[in-house]
Amino acid sequence: MKTAPAFKSGELVQRVNNPESVGIIREPRWDEQTENWNYLVQFGSQLLALPGGVLQGVQEIESPWSALA
């Protein structure tokens, strides 16, 4: 069953395991084989196709102290 994509074109995302790596969603793509969303994400000059599970919305940090929390 096809669900709505978690991220939309133009949305800022970061990698779950590397939050310093921030990119912009260029295109959500439905994968019929895995029945999951993949995303074309631009990180600087790189354009990568990544599964949604490795991405999260950008977590804005107000101060270094809140980053430790």
N, C-alpha and C. Protein backbone atom coordinates (compact mmCIF):
# COMPACT_ATOMS: atom_id res chain seq x y z
N MET A 1 0.83 -1.18 0.00
CA MET A 1 0.00 0.00 0.00
C MET A 1 0.88 1.24 0.00
N LYS A 2 0.65 2.11 -0.95
CA LYS A 2 1.44 3.33 -1.10
C LYS A 2 0.96 4.39 -0.11
N THR A 3 1.88 4.88 0.71
CA THR A 3 1.57 5.92 1.69
C THR A 3 2.13 7.25 1.18
N ALA A 4 1.80 8.31 1.86
CA ALA A 4 2.33 9.63 1.50
C ALA A 4 3.81 9.68 1.89
N PRO A 5 4.63 10.40 1.12
CA PRO A 5 6.05 10.49 1.47
C PRO A 5 6.24 11.27 2.78
N ALA A 6 7.24 10.89 3.54
CA ALA A 6 7.54 11.57 4.80
C ALA A 6 8.12 12.96 4.57
N PHE A 7 8.80 13.15 3.43
CA PHE A 7 9.45 14.42 3.11
C PHE A 7 9.00 14.91 1.75
N LYS A 8 8.93 16.21 1.60
CA LYS A 8 8.50 16.82 0.34
C LYS A 8 9.68 17.49 -0.34
N SER A 9 9.57 17.71 -1.63
CA SER A 9 10.60 18.43 -2.38
C SER A 9 10.84 19.79 -1.73
N GLY A 10 12.12 20.14 -1.59
CA GLY A 10 12.50 21.42 -1.00
C GLY A 10 12.71 21.39 0.50
N GLU A 11 12.35 20.29 1.14
CA GLU A 11 12.47 20.18 2.60
C GLU A 11 13.92 19.89 2.99
N LEU A 12 14.37 20.51 4.08
CA LEU A 12 15.71 20.25 4.61
C LEU A 12 15.67 19.00 5.47
N VAL A 13 16.66 18.14 5.27
CA VAL A 13 16.78 16.90 6.04
C VAL A 13 18.23 16.70 6.46
N GLN A 14 18.42 15.80 7.40
CA GLN A 14 19.77 15.42 7.80
C GLN A 14 19.79 13.91 7.95
N ARG A 15 20.98 13.36 7.88
CA ARG A 15 21.12 11.91 8.06
C ARG A 15 21.01 11.58 9.54
N VAL A 16 20.31 10.50 9.84
CA VAL A 16 20.12 10.09 11.23
C VAL A 16 21.46 9.79 11.89
N ASN A 17 22.34 9.08 11.18
CA ASN A 17 23.63 8.68 11.77
C ASN A 17 24.73 9.72 11.56
N ASN A 18 24.41 10.83 10.88
CA ASN A 18 25.39 11.90 10.65
C ASN A 18 24.64 13.23 10.57
N PRO A 19 24.17 13.74 11.73
CA PRO A 19 23.32 14.94 11.71
C PRO A 19 24.01 16.19 11.18
N GLU A 20 25.34 16.19 11.08
CA GLU A 20 26.05 17.34 10.52
C GLU A 20 25.83 17.43 9.01
N SER A 21 25.41 16.33 8.39
CA SER A 21 25.19 16.26 6.96
C SER A 21 23.75 16.68 6.65
N VAL A 22 23.58 17.95 6.24
CA VAL A 22 22.25 18.50 5.96
C VAL A 22 22.09 18.63 4.45
N GLY A 23 20.95 18.19 3.96
CA GLY A 23 20.68 18.27 2.53
C GLY A 23 19.27 18.73 2.26
N ILE A 24 18.94 18.84 0.98
CA ILE A 24 17.61 19.26 0.57
C ILE A 24 16.99 18.18 -0.32
N ILE A 25 15.73 17.86 -0.04
CA ILE A 25 15.02 16.86 -0.83
C ILE A 25 14.78 17.45 -2.22
N ARG A 26 15.23 16.74 -3.24
CA ARG A 26 14.98 17.16 -4.62
C ARG A 26 13.77 16.44 -5.20
N GLU A 27 13.60 15.16 -4.81
CA GLU A 27 12.46 14.41 -5.35
C GLU A 27 12.19 13.16 -4.52
N PRO A 28 10.96 12.99 -4.04
CA PRO A 28 10.59 11.70 -3.43
C PRO A 28 10.26 10.71 -4.54
N ARG A 29 10.67 9.45 -4.36
CA ARG A 29 10.42 8.41 -5.36
C ARG A 29 9.90 7.15 -4.67
N TRP A 30 8.78 6.64 -5.16
CA TRP A 30 8.20 5.41 -4.63
C TRP A 30 8.90 4.22 -5.26
N ASP A 31 9.39 3.29 -4.44
CA ASP A 31 10.04 2.07 -4.93
C ASP A 31 9.02 0.93 -4.87
N GLU A 32 8.60 0.47 -6.04
CA GLU A 32 7.59 -0.59 -6.11
C GLU A 32 8.08 -1.91 -5.51
N GLN A 33 9.38 -2.21 -5.67
CA GLN A 33 9.91 -3.48 -5.17
C GLN A 33 9.90 -3.54 -3.64
N THR A 34 10.39 -2.50 -2.99
CA THR A 34 10.47 -2.51 -1.53
C THR A 34 9.23 -1.90 -0.88
N GLU A 35 8.38 -1.27 -1.70
CA GLU A 35 7.19 -0.58 -1.22
C GLU A 35 7.54 0.43 -0.13
N ASN A 36 8.56 1.21 -0.42
CA ASN A 36 9.02 2.28 0.48
C ASN A 36 9.40 3.49 -0.35
N TRP A 37 9.48 4.62 0.34
CA TRP A 37 9.91 5.85 -0.32
C TRP A 37 11.43 5.96 -0.28
N ASN A 38 11.99 6.36 -1.39
CA ASN A 38 13.39 6.76 -1.49
C ASN A 38 13.39 8.23 -1.87
N TYR A 39 14.49 8.90 -1.60
CA TYR A 39 14.55 10.34 -1.84
C TYR A 39 15.84 10.71 -2.53
N LEU A 40 15.72 11.58 -3.54
CA LEU A 40 16.90 12.18 -4.13
C LEU A 40 17.23 13.38 -3.25
N VAL A 41 18.40 13.36 -2.63
CA VAL A 41 18.79 14.40 -1.68
C VAL A 41 20.08 15.03 -2.16
N GLN A 42 20.11 16.36 -2.16
CA GLN A 42 21.32 17.07 -2.55
C GLN A 42 22.06 17.52 -1.30
N PHE A 43 23.29 17.00 -1.17
CA PHE A 43 24.20 17.39 -0.10
C PHE A 43 25.34 18.15 -0.77
N GLY A 44 25.30 19.47 -0.74
CA GLY A 44 26.31 20.25 -1.45
C GLY A 44 26.23 19.95 -2.94
N SER A 45 27.32 19.48 -3.52
CA SER A 45 27.33 19.17 -4.95
C SER A 45 26.95 17.72 -5.24
N GLN A 46 26.72 16.91 -4.19
CA GLN A 46 26.35 15.50 -4.37
C GLN A 46 24.85 15.33 -4.39
N LEU A 47 24.37 14.50 -5.31
CA LEU A 47 22.97 14.12 -5.36
C LEU A 47 22.90 12.62 -5.09
N LEU A 48 22.28 12.24 -3.96
CA LEU A 48 22.24 10.85 -3.54
C LEU A 48 20.81 10.36 -3.44
N ALA A 49 20.60 9.08 -3.78
CA ALA A 49 19.31 8.42 -3.58
C ALA A 49 19.39 7.66 -2.26
N LEU A 50 18.53 8.02 -1.31
CA LEU A 50 18.58 7.42 0.02
C LEU A 50 17.19 6.96 0.45
N PRO A 51 17.13 5.87 1.22
CA PRO A 51 15.84 5.45 1.77
C PRO A 51 15.41 6.40 2.89
N GLY A 52 14.11 6.50 3.08
CA GLY A 52 13.59 7.41 4.09
C GLY A 52 14.04 7.11 5.50
N GLY A 53 14.34 5.84 5.80
CA GLY A 53 14.74 5.46 7.15
C GLY A 53 16.05 6.05 7.63
N VAL A 54 16.88 6.53 6.72
CA VAL A 54 18.17 7.10 7.13
C VAL A 54 18.11 8.62 7.21
N LEU A 55 16.91 9.18 6.99
CA LEU A 55 16.75 10.64 7.00
C LEU A 55 15.82 11.08 8.12
N GLN A 56 16.04 12.30 8.57
CA GLN A 56 15.14 12.93 9.54
C GLN A 56 15.08 14.42 9.22
N GLY A 57 14.02 15.06 9.69
CA GLY A 57 13.94 16.50 9.54
C GLY A 57 15.06 17.16 10.31
N VAL A 58 15.47 18.35 9.88
CA VAL A 58 16.57 19.04 10.54
C VAL A 58 16.15 19.42 11.95
N GLN A 59 16.98 19.03 12.90
CA GLN A 59 16.74 19.35 14.31
C GLN A 59 17.49 20.63 14.64
N GLU A 60 16.75 21.74 14.79
CA GLU A 60 17.39 23.01 15.09
C GLU A 60 17.76 23.05 16.57
N ILE A 61 18.98 23.50 16.82
CA ILE A 61 19.50 23.59 18.19
C ILE A 61 19.58 25.06 18.57
N GLU A 62 18.95 25.40 19.69
CA GLU A 62 18.92 26.79 20.11
C GLU A 62 20.23 27.20 20.78
N SER A 63 20.86 26.30 21.50
CA SER A 63 22.11 26.61 22.17
C SER A 63 22.91 25.32 22.34
N PRO A 64 24.20 25.45 22.59
CA PRO A 64 25.00 24.23 22.82
C PRO A 64 24.50 23.41 24.01
N TRP A 65 23.89 24.08 25.00
CA TRP A 65 23.38 23.38 26.18
C TRP A 65 22.18 22.53 25.82
N SER A 66 21.33 23.03 24.92
CA SER A 66 20.17 22.23 24.53
C SER A 66 20.60 21.04 23.68
N ALA A 67 21.75 21.14 23.01
CA ALA A 67 22.27 20.03 22.23
C ALA A 67 22.67 18.88 23.15
N LEU A 68 23.11 19.19 24.34
CA LEU A 68 23.51 18.15 25.30
C LEU A 68 22.30 17.47 25.92
N ALA A 69 21.17 18.14 25.94
CA ALA A 69 19.98 17.59 26.60
C ALA A 69 19.42 16.38 25.92
